[in-house]
Amino acid sequence: MPRLRPDRITPDDAETIALQALGFLADDPQRVSRFLSLTGTDPGQLRAEAKNRDFQVATLDYMLSDESLLLAFGQEAGIDPIAIGPAHALLSGQT
C-alpha cells in the first residue's frame, strides 16, 4: 500500500489498515496472545472476526493504545502511524 495521507483515507483504506494490523499482530505469538486475551477472542474465531467492523475498530483501538506497537506496525506495513487514528475514526463512524 502506498503511503496514505491521513486526510485522504477512504473506508476501504481504513478496513485494509485494520486487516493489516490484525495480520501484524497474528504474525507474532506474543503480540497476538495479548491481543486475544484483552479482546476475549478465541484464536479459532480470529479469521471470522476479522470481517467484523467492530472487531476491526477494536484492533485499531488496541494498536493506538501502545505507541511502540503502533510505530513497529507502521514501519513494517509502510503506513504512516498518524493514519491509524483517522482509519479508526472512519471505521467507528466518528467522521
N, C-alpha and C. Protein backbone atom coordinates (compact mmCIF):
# COMPACT_ATOMS: atom_id res chain seq x y z
N MET A 1 0.86 -1.17 0.00
CA MET A 1 0.00 0.00 0.00
C MET A 1 0.90 1.23 0.00
N PRO A 2 0.65 2.17 -0.89
CA PRO A 2 1.45 3.39 -0.89
C PRO A 2 1.16 4.20 0.38
N ARG A 3 2.07 5.09 0.69
CA ARG A 3 1.88 5.94 1.86
C ARG A 3 0.55 6.68 1.74
N LEU A 4 -0.27 6.54 2.76
CA LEU A 4 -1.57 7.21 2.78
C LEU A 4 -1.46 8.53 3.52
N ARG A 5 -2.11 9.51 2.97
CA ARG A 5 -2.22 10.77 3.70
C ARG A 5 -3.39 10.63 4.66
N PRO A 6 -3.20 10.97 5.92
CA PRO A 6 -4.28 10.80 6.89
C PRO A 6 -5.58 11.49 6.50
N ASP A 7 -5.50 12.58 5.75
CA ASP A 7 -6.72 13.30 5.36
C ASP A 7 -7.37 12.73 4.11
N ARG A 8 -6.81 11.67 3.55
CA ARG A 8 -7.35 11.09 2.32
C ARG A 8 -7.69 9.62 2.45
N ILE A 9 -7.90 9.15 3.65
CA ILE A 9 -8.20 7.74 3.88
C ILE A 9 -9.68 7.48 3.57
N THR A 10 -9.91 6.46 2.76
CA THR A 10 -11.27 6.04 2.43
C THR A 10 -11.68 4.92 3.38
N PRO A 11 -12.97 4.59 3.41
CA PRO A 11 -13.40 3.45 4.23
C PRO A 11 -12.69 2.15 3.82
N ASP A 12 -12.46 1.95 2.54
CA ASP A 12 -11.74 0.76 2.10
C ASP A 12 -10.30 0.77 2.62
N ASP A 13 -9.65 1.94 2.58
CA ASP A 13 -8.30 2.07 3.13
C ASP A 13 -8.30 1.73 4.62
N ALA A 14 -9.29 2.24 5.33
CA ALA A 14 -9.37 2.01 6.78
C ALA A 14 -9.53 0.53 7.08
N GLU A 15 -10.37 -0.15 6.32
CA GLU A 15 -10.55 -1.59 6.52
C GLU A 15 -9.26 -2.34 6.21
N THR A 16 -8.58 -1.95 5.15
CA THR A 16 -7.31 -2.58 4.79
C THR A 16 -6.28 -2.39 5.89
N ILE A 17 -6.22 -1.20 6.46
CA ILE A 17 -5.28 -0.92 7.55
C ILE A 17 -5.60 -1.82 8.75
N ALA A 18 -6.88 -1.95 9.08
CA ALA A 18 -7.28 -2.79 10.22
C ALA A 18 -6.89 -4.24 9.97
N LEU A 19 -7.10 -4.72 8.76
CA LEU A 19 -6.74 -6.11 8.44
C LEU A 19 -5.22 -6.30 8.45
N GLN A 20 -4.49 -5.30 7.98
CA GLN A 20 -3.03 -5.38 8.04
C GLN A 20 -2.56 -5.38 9.49
N ALA A 21 -3.20 -4.58 10.32
CA ALA A 21 -2.84 -4.54 11.75
C ALA A 21 -3.10 -5.89 12.40
N LEU A 22 -4.21 -6.50 12.07
CA LEU A 22 -4.52 -7.82 12.61
C LEU A 22 -3.49 -8.85 12.14
N GLY A 23 -3.12 -8.78 10.88
CA GLY A 23 -2.08 -9.67 10.36
C GLY A 23 -0.76 -9.45 11.07
N PHE A 24 -0.43 -8.20 11.33
CA PHE A 24 0.79 -7.86 12.06
C PHE A 24 0.78 -8.50 13.44
N LEU A 25 -0.34 -8.39 14.12
CA LEU A 25 -0.46 -8.99 15.45
C LEU A 25 -0.36 -10.52 15.36
N ALA A 26 -1.03 -11.09 14.38
CA ALA A 26 -1.08 -12.55 14.24
C ALA A 26 0.27 -13.15 13.88
N ASP A 27 1.15 -12.36 13.30
CA ASP A 27 2.47 -12.85 12.90
C ASP A 27 3.40 -13.12 14.09
N ASP A 28 3.04 -12.64 15.24
CA ASP A 28 3.90 -12.80 16.42
C ASP A 28 3.07 -13.42 17.55
N PRO A 29 3.42 -14.63 17.99
CA PRO A 29 2.63 -15.31 19.02
C PRO A 29 2.42 -14.50 20.30
N GLN A 30 3.43 -13.78 20.73
CA GLN A 30 3.30 -12.99 21.95
C GLN A 30 2.33 -11.82 21.76
N ARG A 31 2.47 -11.12 20.62
CA ARG A 31 1.56 -9.99 20.36
C ARG A 31 0.12 -10.46 20.25
N VAL A 32 -0.10 -11.53 19.48
CA VAL A 32 -1.48 -11.97 19.24
C VAL A 32 -2.08 -12.57 20.52
N SER A 33 -1.26 -13.21 21.33
CA SER A 33 -1.76 -13.78 22.57
C SER A 33 -2.31 -12.69 23.49
N ARG A 34 -1.56 -11.61 23.63
CA ARG A 34 -2.02 -10.50 24.48
C ARG A 34 -3.28 -9.86 23.90
N PHE A 35 -3.30 -9.65 22.59
CA PHE A 35 -4.47 -9.06 21.94
C PHE A 35 -5.71 -9.94 22.14
N LEU A 36 -5.55 -11.24 21.92
CA LEU A 36 -6.69 -12.15 22.08
C LEU A 36 -7.18 -12.17 23.52
N SER A 37 -6.25 -12.13 24.44
CA SER A 37 -6.61 -12.12 25.85
C SER A 37 -7.42 -10.87 26.20
N LEU A 38 -6.97 -9.73 25.72
CA LEU A 38 -7.66 -8.47 26.04
C LEU A 38 -9.01 -8.35 25.34
N THR A 39 -9.14 -8.94 24.15
CA THR A 39 -10.41 -8.84 23.42
C THR A 39 -11.36 -9.99 23.76
N GLY A 40 -10.84 -11.02 24.42
CA GLY A 40 -11.68 -12.16 24.75
C GLY A 40 -12.01 -13.02 23.54
N THR A 41 -11.17 -12.94 22.54
CA THR A 41 -11.40 -13.68 21.30
C THR A 41 -10.62 -14.98 21.32
N ASP A 42 -11.24 -16.03 20.85
CA ASP A 42 -10.60 -17.33 20.72
C ASP A 42 -9.79 -17.35 19.43
N PRO A 43 -8.60 -17.94 19.43
CA PRO A 43 -7.79 -17.98 18.21
C PRO A 43 -8.54 -18.55 17.00
N GLY A 44 -9.43 -19.50 17.24
CA GLY A 44 -10.20 -20.09 16.15
C GLY A 44 -11.22 -19.12 15.54
N GLN A 45 -11.56 -18.08 16.26
CA GLN A 45 -12.53 -17.09 15.79
C GLN A 45 -11.89 -15.95 15.02
N LEU A 46 -10.58 -15.88 15.05
CA LEU A 46 -9.86 -14.72 14.52
C LEU A 46 -10.20 -14.43 13.06
N ARG A 47 -10.19 -15.44 12.21
CA ARG A 47 -10.45 -15.23 10.79
C ARG A 47 -11.88 -14.70 10.56
N ALA A 48 -12.84 -15.28 11.24
CA ALA A 48 -14.23 -14.83 11.09
C ALA A 48 -14.42 -13.43 11.64
N GLU A 49 -13.80 -13.15 12.78
CA GLU A 49 -13.94 -11.83 13.41
C GLU A 49 -13.27 -10.73 12.59
N ALA A 50 -12.26 -11.09 11.80
CA ALA A 50 -11.54 -10.08 11.01
C ALA A 50 -12.47 -9.31 10.08
N LYS A 51 -13.56 -9.91 9.67
CA LYS A 51 -14.51 -9.26 8.75
C LYS A 51 -15.50 -8.35 9.49
N ASN A 52 -15.53 -8.46 10.80
CA ASN A 52 -16.47 -7.72 11.62
C ASN A 52 -15.96 -6.30 11.86
N ARG A 53 -16.77 -5.32 11.52
CA ARG A 53 -16.37 -3.91 11.65
C ARG A 53 -16.00 -3.56 13.09
N ASP A 54 -16.77 -4.03 14.06
CA ASP A 54 -16.46 -3.73 15.46
C ASP A 54 -15.11 -4.33 15.86
N PHE A 55 -14.80 -5.50 15.35
CA PHE A 55 -13.51 -6.12 15.65
C PHE A 55 -12.37 -5.35 14.99
N GLN A 56 -12.62 -4.83 13.80
CA GLN A 56 -11.61 -4.00 13.13
C GLN A 56 -11.35 -2.74 13.95
N VAL A 57 -12.40 -2.15 14.46
CA VAL A 57 -12.26 -0.97 15.32
C VAL A 57 -11.46 -1.33 16.57
N ALA A 58 -11.79 -2.47 17.18
CA ALA A 58 -11.07 -2.92 18.38
C ALA A 58 -9.59 -3.16 18.08
N THR A 59 -9.31 -3.68 16.90
CA THR A 59 -7.92 -3.93 16.51
C THR A 59 -7.15 -2.62 16.44
N LEU A 60 -7.73 -1.62 15.77
CA LEU A 60 -7.05 -0.33 15.66
C LEU A 60 -6.99 0.38 17.02
N ASP A 61 -8.01 0.21 17.82
CA ASP A 61 -8.01 0.78 19.17
C ASP A 61 -6.84 0.20 19.97
N TYR A 62 -6.65 -1.09 19.85
CA TYR A 62 -5.54 -1.75 20.53
C TYR A 62 -4.20 -1.21 20.04
N MET A 63 -4.08 -1.05 18.74
CA MET A 63 -2.83 -0.52 18.18
C MET A 63 -2.56 0.89 18.69
N LEU A 64 -3.61 1.70 18.76
CA LEU A 64 -3.46 3.08 19.21
C LEU A 64 -3.12 3.19 20.70
N SER A 65 -3.38 2.12 21.44
CA SER A 65 -3.12 2.15 22.88
C SER A 65 -1.66 1.87 23.24
N ASP A 66 -0.87 1.50 22.25
CA ASP A 66 0.53 1.14 22.53
C ASP A 66 1.42 1.77 21.45
N GLU A 67 2.08 2.87 21.81
CA GLU A 67 2.85 3.63 20.83
C GLU A 67 3.96 2.80 20.18
N SER A 68 4.67 2.00 20.96
CA SER A 68 5.76 1.21 20.37
C SER A 68 5.22 0.18 19.38
N LEU A 69 4.09 -0.41 19.70
CA LEU A 69 3.45 -1.36 18.79
C LEU A 69 2.98 -0.64 17.53
N LEU A 70 2.39 0.52 17.71
CA LEU A 70 1.91 1.33 16.59
C LEU A 70 3.05 1.71 15.65
N LEU A 71 4.16 2.13 16.22
CA LEU A 71 5.31 2.52 15.39
C LEU A 71 5.90 1.32 14.66
N ALA A 72 5.98 0.17 15.34
CA ALA A 72 6.51 -1.04 14.70
C ALA A 72 5.60 -1.47 13.56
N PHE A 73 4.29 -1.41 13.77
CA PHE A 73 3.35 -1.76 12.72
C PHE A 73 3.48 -0.81 11.53
N GLY A 74 3.52 0.47 11.82
CA GLY A 74 3.65 1.45 10.74
C GLY A 74 4.89 1.23 9.90
N GLN A 75 5.99 0.95 10.57
CA GLN A 75 7.24 0.73 9.85
C GLN A 75 7.15 -0.55 9.00
N GLU A 76 6.65 -1.62 9.59
CA GLU A 76 6.57 -2.89 8.86
C GLU A 76 5.60 -2.82 7.69
N ALA A 77 4.47 -2.15 7.89
CA ALA A 77 3.44 -2.08 6.86
C ALA A 77 3.65 -0.94 5.87
N GLY A 78 4.59 -0.04 6.16
CA GLY A 78 4.80 1.11 5.29
C GLY A 78 3.66 2.11 5.38
N ILE A 79 3.06 2.19 6.57
CA ILE A 79 1.93 3.09 6.80
C ILE A 79 2.36 4.15 7.82
N ASP A 80 2.06 5.39 7.52
CA ASP A 80 2.35 6.45 8.49
C ASP A 80 1.47 6.20 9.72
N PRO A 81 2.07 6.03 10.90
CA PRO A 81 1.28 5.76 12.09
C PRO A 81 0.20 6.81 12.35
N ILE A 82 0.41 8.01 11.86
CA ILE A 82 -0.61 9.06 12.02
C ILE A 82 -1.91 8.70 11.30
N ALA A 83 -1.84 7.83 10.30
CA ALA A 83 -3.03 7.43 9.53
C ALA A 83 -3.93 6.48 10.31
N ILE A 84 -3.43 5.88 11.37
CA ILE A 84 -4.23 4.91 12.12
C ILE A 84 -5.41 5.58 12.83
N GLY A 85 -5.19 6.75 13.37
CA GLY A 85 -6.28 7.48 14.05
C GLY A 85 -7.44 7.77 13.12
N PRO A 86 -7.21 8.37 11.95
CA PRO A 86 -8.30 8.61 11.01
C PRO A 86 -8.96 7.32 10.52
N ALA A 87 -8.17 6.27 10.36
CA ALA A 87 -8.76 4.98 9.95
C ALA A 87 -9.70 4.47 11.04
N HIS A 88 -9.26 4.58 12.28
CA HIS A 88 -10.10 4.18 13.42
C HIS A 88 -11.39 5.00 13.45
N ALA A 89 -11.24 6.30 13.26
CA ALA A 89 -12.43 7.18 13.29
C ALA A 89 -13.41 6.83 12.19
N LEU A 90 -12.91 6.54 11.00
CA LEU A 90 -13.79 6.16 9.89
C LEU A 90 -14.54 4.88 10.19
N LEU A 91 -13.82 3.87 10.66
CA LEU A 91 -14.47 2.58 10.93
C LEU A 91 -15.46 2.65 12.08
N SER A 92 -15.18 3.53 13.04
CA SER A 92 -16.07 3.63 14.20
C SER A 92 -17.20 4.63 13.99
N GLY A 93 -17.24 5.24 12.82
CA GLY A 93 -18.33 6.18 12.50
C GLY A 93 -18.18 7.53 13.13
N GLN A 94 -16.96 7.90 13.50
CA GLN A 94 -16.72 9.20 14.15
C GLN A 94 -16.44 10.31 13.16
N THR A 95 -16.48 10.00 11.88
CA THR A 95 -16.23 11.07 10.88
C THR A 95 -17.42 11.22 9.99
